[in-house]
Amino acid sequence: MKCVILAAGKGERISDRGPSKPLVRLLGVPLIERTIRTAVEAGFDDFCVITGHNGHALTQFLDDLRCRMGVRITTLENERWEEGNGTSVLRAEEAVDERFVLLMSDHIFDGEILKRLKDQPLNDDEVRLAVDYDLDPNDSVDVADVTKVLVNDGRIDAIGKDLPHYNAYDTGIFLCSLSLF
């Protein structure tokens, strides 16, 4: 199963820390490398990374990472990256031909979530999102910026950054059928 990673954004809130958000280092390791390493630990070895802002530097880094880790990493440039994640997701269509996992390059997550999600059943017209129901205040969540989710009976009723009522946070970890496109 292919793992698509969105890595096209500028990352304005942390732009002073690196040439692009995916290359910002956390404890010495670039965010994109952390994402790929976590996915490898969950059993993935075939990646498609959608680049955009400063895509040349990211592609060079990923070429080196591919050699160091021995995994397949294809990069596709989203020339419309400034229009948001939706255009980056659409850019991935040419790289997948069956269900796939979709990740964000700047989300830190437990690989167990990915292991469990990839084996979930999925109908041809479905997309699954792993959500976090732990809404207790903590330093890991910027509540003003996090995408909020309202889930009822296991289905998403609403999703967005400005939801007034919600019961979960978006993790940025999706299991997708081709119907997403």
Protein backbone atom coordinates (compact mmCIF):
# COMPACT_ATOMS: atom_id res chain seq x y z
CA MET A 1 0.00 0.00 0.00
CA LYS A 2 1.30 3.42 -0.95
CA CYS A 3 1.77 6.21 1.57
CA VAL A 4 1.12 9.73 0.24
CA ILE A 5 2.60 12.59 2.27
CA LEU A 6 1.62 16.21 1.82
CA ALA A 7 4.70 18.42 2.17
CA ALA A 8 3.92 21.41 -0.04
CA GLY A 9 3.13 24.18 2.44
CA LYS A 10 5.24 27.12 3.49
CA GLY A 11 4.77 26.72 7.23
CA GLU A 12 4.66 30.41 8.04
CA ARG A 13 4.42 29.90 11.81
CA ILE A 14 7.79 28.14 11.84
CA SER A 15 9.37 29.57 8.68
CA ASP A 16 12.18 31.15 10.69
CA ARG A 17 13.38 27.66 11.69
CA GLY A 18 14.18 26.21 8.28
CA PRO A 19 13.87 26.52 4.50
CA SER A 20 10.47 24.79 4.54
CA LYS A 21 8.23 23.21 7.14
CA PRO A 22 9.01 19.57 6.24
CA LEU A 23 12.74 20.27 6.70
CA VAL A 24 12.40 21.93 10.11
CA ARG A 25 14.28 19.80 12.62
CA LEU A 26 12.79 18.44 15.83
CA LEU A 27 15.49 17.03 18.12
CA GLY A 28 17.86 17.03 15.15
CA VAL A 29 15.60 15.14 12.70
CA PRO A 30 13.60 16.87 9.92
CA LEU A 31 9.83 16.55 10.31
CA ILE A 32 9.46 14.77 6.94
CA GLU A 33 12.06 12.19 7.94
CA ARG A 34 10.22 11.55 11.23
CA THR A 35 6.99 10.99 9.29
CA ILE A 36 8.63 8.57 6.87
CA ARG A 37 10.49 6.68 9.59
CA THR A 38 7.28 6.26 11.60
CA ALA A 39 5.48 4.96 8.49
CA VAL A 40 8.34 2.54 7.75
CA GLU A 41 8.03 1.18 11.30
CA ALA A 42 4.31 0.68 10.58
CA GLY A 43 5.15 -1.44 7.52
CA PHE A 44 5.27 1.03 4.60
CA ASP A 45 8.10 1.22 2.06
CA ASP A 46 6.53 3.05 -0.90
CA PHE A 47 6.03 6.81 -0.57
CA CYS A 48 4.78 9.63 -2.76
CA VAL A 49 5.62 13.06 -1.35
CA ILE A 50 3.82 16.07 -2.75
CA THR A 51 6.13 19.08 -2.75
CA GLY A 52 5.47 22.77 -3.34
CA HIS A 53 7.14 25.62 -1.47
CA ASN A 54 10.93 25.21 -1.78
CA GLY A 55 10.31 21.86 -3.44
CA HIS A 56 13.81 21.60 -4.92
CA ALA A 57 15.49 21.52 -1.48
CA LEU A 58 12.93 19.02 -0.19
CA THR A 59 13.36 16.77 -3.24
CA GLN A 60 17.16 16.79 -2.78
CA PHE A 61 16.74 15.83 0.87
CA LEU A 62 14.29 13.04 -0.02
CA ASP A 63 16.65 11.67 -2.70
CA ASP A 64 19.31 11.31 -0.02
CA LEU A 65 16.82 9.84 2.47
CA ARG A 66 15.70 7.27 -0.11
CA CYS A 67 19.27 6.04 -0.42
CA ARG A 68 19.92 6.05 3.33
CA MET A 69 16.72 4.17 4.19
CA GLY A 70 16.34 1.91 1.15
CA VAL A 71 12.69 2.83 0.53
CA ARG A 72 10.85 4.08 -2.55
CA ILE A 73 10.19 7.81 -2.43
CA THR A 74 8.63 9.51 -5.44
CA THR A 75 8.15 13.26 -5.43
CA LEU A 76 5.49 15.16 -7.33
CA GLU A 77 5.42 18.95 -7.41
CA ASN A 78 2.18 20.80 -6.78
CA GLU A 79 2.58 24.08 -8.63
CA ARG A 80 -0.69 25.25 -7.04
CA TRP A 81 0.46 24.57 -3.45
CA GLU A 82 -0.60 28.05 -2.28
CA GLU A 83 -4.23 27.04 -2.89
CA GLY A 84 -4.11 24.56 0.00
CA ASN A 85 -3.90 20.87 0.83
CA GLY A 86 -6.77 19.95 -1.47
CA THR A 87 -4.70 20.72 -4.56
CA SER A 88 -1.83 18.67 -3.14
CA VAL A 89 -4.11 15.69 -2.56
CA LEU A 90 -5.36 15.93 -6.14
CA ARG A 91 -1.76 16.01 -7.38
CA ALA A 92 -1.25 12.53 -5.90
CA GLU A 93 -3.90 10.94 -8.12
CA GLU A 94 -1.40 9.87 -10.78
CA ALA A 95 0.71 8.04 -8.20
CA VAL A 96 -1.93 5.73 -6.71
CA ASP A 97 -4.06 2.99 -8.21
CA GLU A 98 -5.57 1.46 -5.08
CA ARG A 99 -6.41 2.44 -1.52
CA PHE A 100 -3.65 4.39 0.19
CA VAL A 101 -2.69 6.15 3.38
CA LEU A 102 -2.49 9.94 3.41
CA LEU A 103 -0.26 11.74 5.94
CA MET A 104 0.84 15.28 6.68
CA SER A 105 4.60 15.89 6.72
CA ASP A 106 4.46 17.99 9.87
CA HIS A 107 2.35 15.76 12.14
CA ILE A 108 4.11 13.71 14.80
CA PHE A 109 2.17 10.53 15.56
CA ASP A 110 2.40 7.09 17.11
CA GLY A 111 3.02 4.45 14.43
CA GLU A 112 0.53 2.12 16.14
CA ILE A 113 -2.26 4.38 14.86
CA LEU A 114 -1.05 3.86 11.31
CA LYS A 115 -0.64 0.10 11.78
CA ARG A 116 -4.21 -0.23 13.01
CA LEU A 117 -5.70 2.10 10.38
CA LYS A 118 -4.09 0.49 7.32
CA ASP A 119 -5.78 -2.84 8.06
CA GLN A 120 -9.27 -1.38 8.52
CA PRO A 121 -11.97 -2.32 6.03
CA LEU A 122 -12.72 0.40 3.51
CA ASN A 123 -15.50 0.56 0.93
CA ASP A 124 -14.78 1.95 -2.53
CA ASP A 125 -16.59 5.20 -1.67
CA GLU A 126 -15.05 5.80 1.76
CA VAL A 127 -12.26 7.71 3.42
CA ARG A 128 -11.36 7.07 7.05
CA LEU A 129 -9.74 9.62 9.35
CA ALA A 130 -8.02 8.71 12.59
CA VAL A 131 -9.22 11.18 15.21
CA ASP A 132 -8.00 12.00 18.70
CA TYR A 133 -10.74 12.13 21.34
CA ASP A 134 -8.35 13.38 24.05
CA LEU A 135 -9.42 17.01 24.32
CA ASP A 136 -7.70 17.64 27.67
CA PRO A 137 -5.53 20.77 27.42
CA ASN A 138 -1.86 20.00 26.77
CA ASP A 139 1.21 21.62 25.23
CA SER A 140 1.08 19.36 22.14
CA VAL A 141 -2.13 20.84 20.73
CA ASP A 142 -2.57 24.40 19.52
CA VAL A 143 -6.35 24.54 19.98
CA ALA A 144 -6.63 27.75 17.96
CA ASP A 145 -5.00 26.06 14.95
CA VAL A 146 -5.94 22.38 15.20
CA THR A 147 -8.61 21.01 12.87
CA LYS A 148 -11.58 20.05 14.96
CA VAL A 149 -13.94 17.18 14.21
CA LEU A 150 -17.52 16.41 15.23
CA VAL A 151 -18.06 12.64 15.20
CA ASN A 152 -21.44 10.96 15.71
CA ASP A 153 -21.94 7.19 15.54
CA GLY A 154 -18.48 6.73 14.01
CA ARG A 155 -19.13 9.17 11.15
CA ILE A 156 -17.80 12.69 10.69
CA ASP A 157 -20.61 15.25 10.77
CA ALA A 158 -18.36 18.33 10.60
CA ILE A 159 -14.70 19.19 10.29
CA GLY A 160 -12.88 22.52 10.38
CA LYS A 161 -10.63 24.83 12.38
CA ASP A 162 -13.49 27.04 13.58
CA LEU A 163 -16.09 24.49 14.67
CA PRO A 164 -17.97 25.74 17.74
CA HIS A 165 -18.89 22.19 18.83
CA TYR A 166 -16.54 19.23 18.39
CA ASN A 167 -15.54 16.05 20.17
CA ALA A 168 -12.23 15.14 18.51
CA TYR A 169 -9.14 16.50 16.79
CA ASP A 170 -7.97 15.63 13.27
CA THR A 171 -4.71 13.62 13.38
CA GLY A 172 -3.88 14.09 9.69
CA ILE A 173 -3.82 10.30 9.22
CA PHE A 174 -6.24 9.07 6.56
CA LEU A 175 -7.03 5.75 4.90
CA CYS A 176 -8.36 6.61 1.44
CA SER A 177 -10.11 4.90 -1.41
CA LEU A 178 -9.70 6.29 -4.90
CA SER A 179 -13.06 8.02 -4.44
CA LEU A 180 -11.16 10.79 -2.64
CA PHE A 181 -10.15 12.11 -6.06
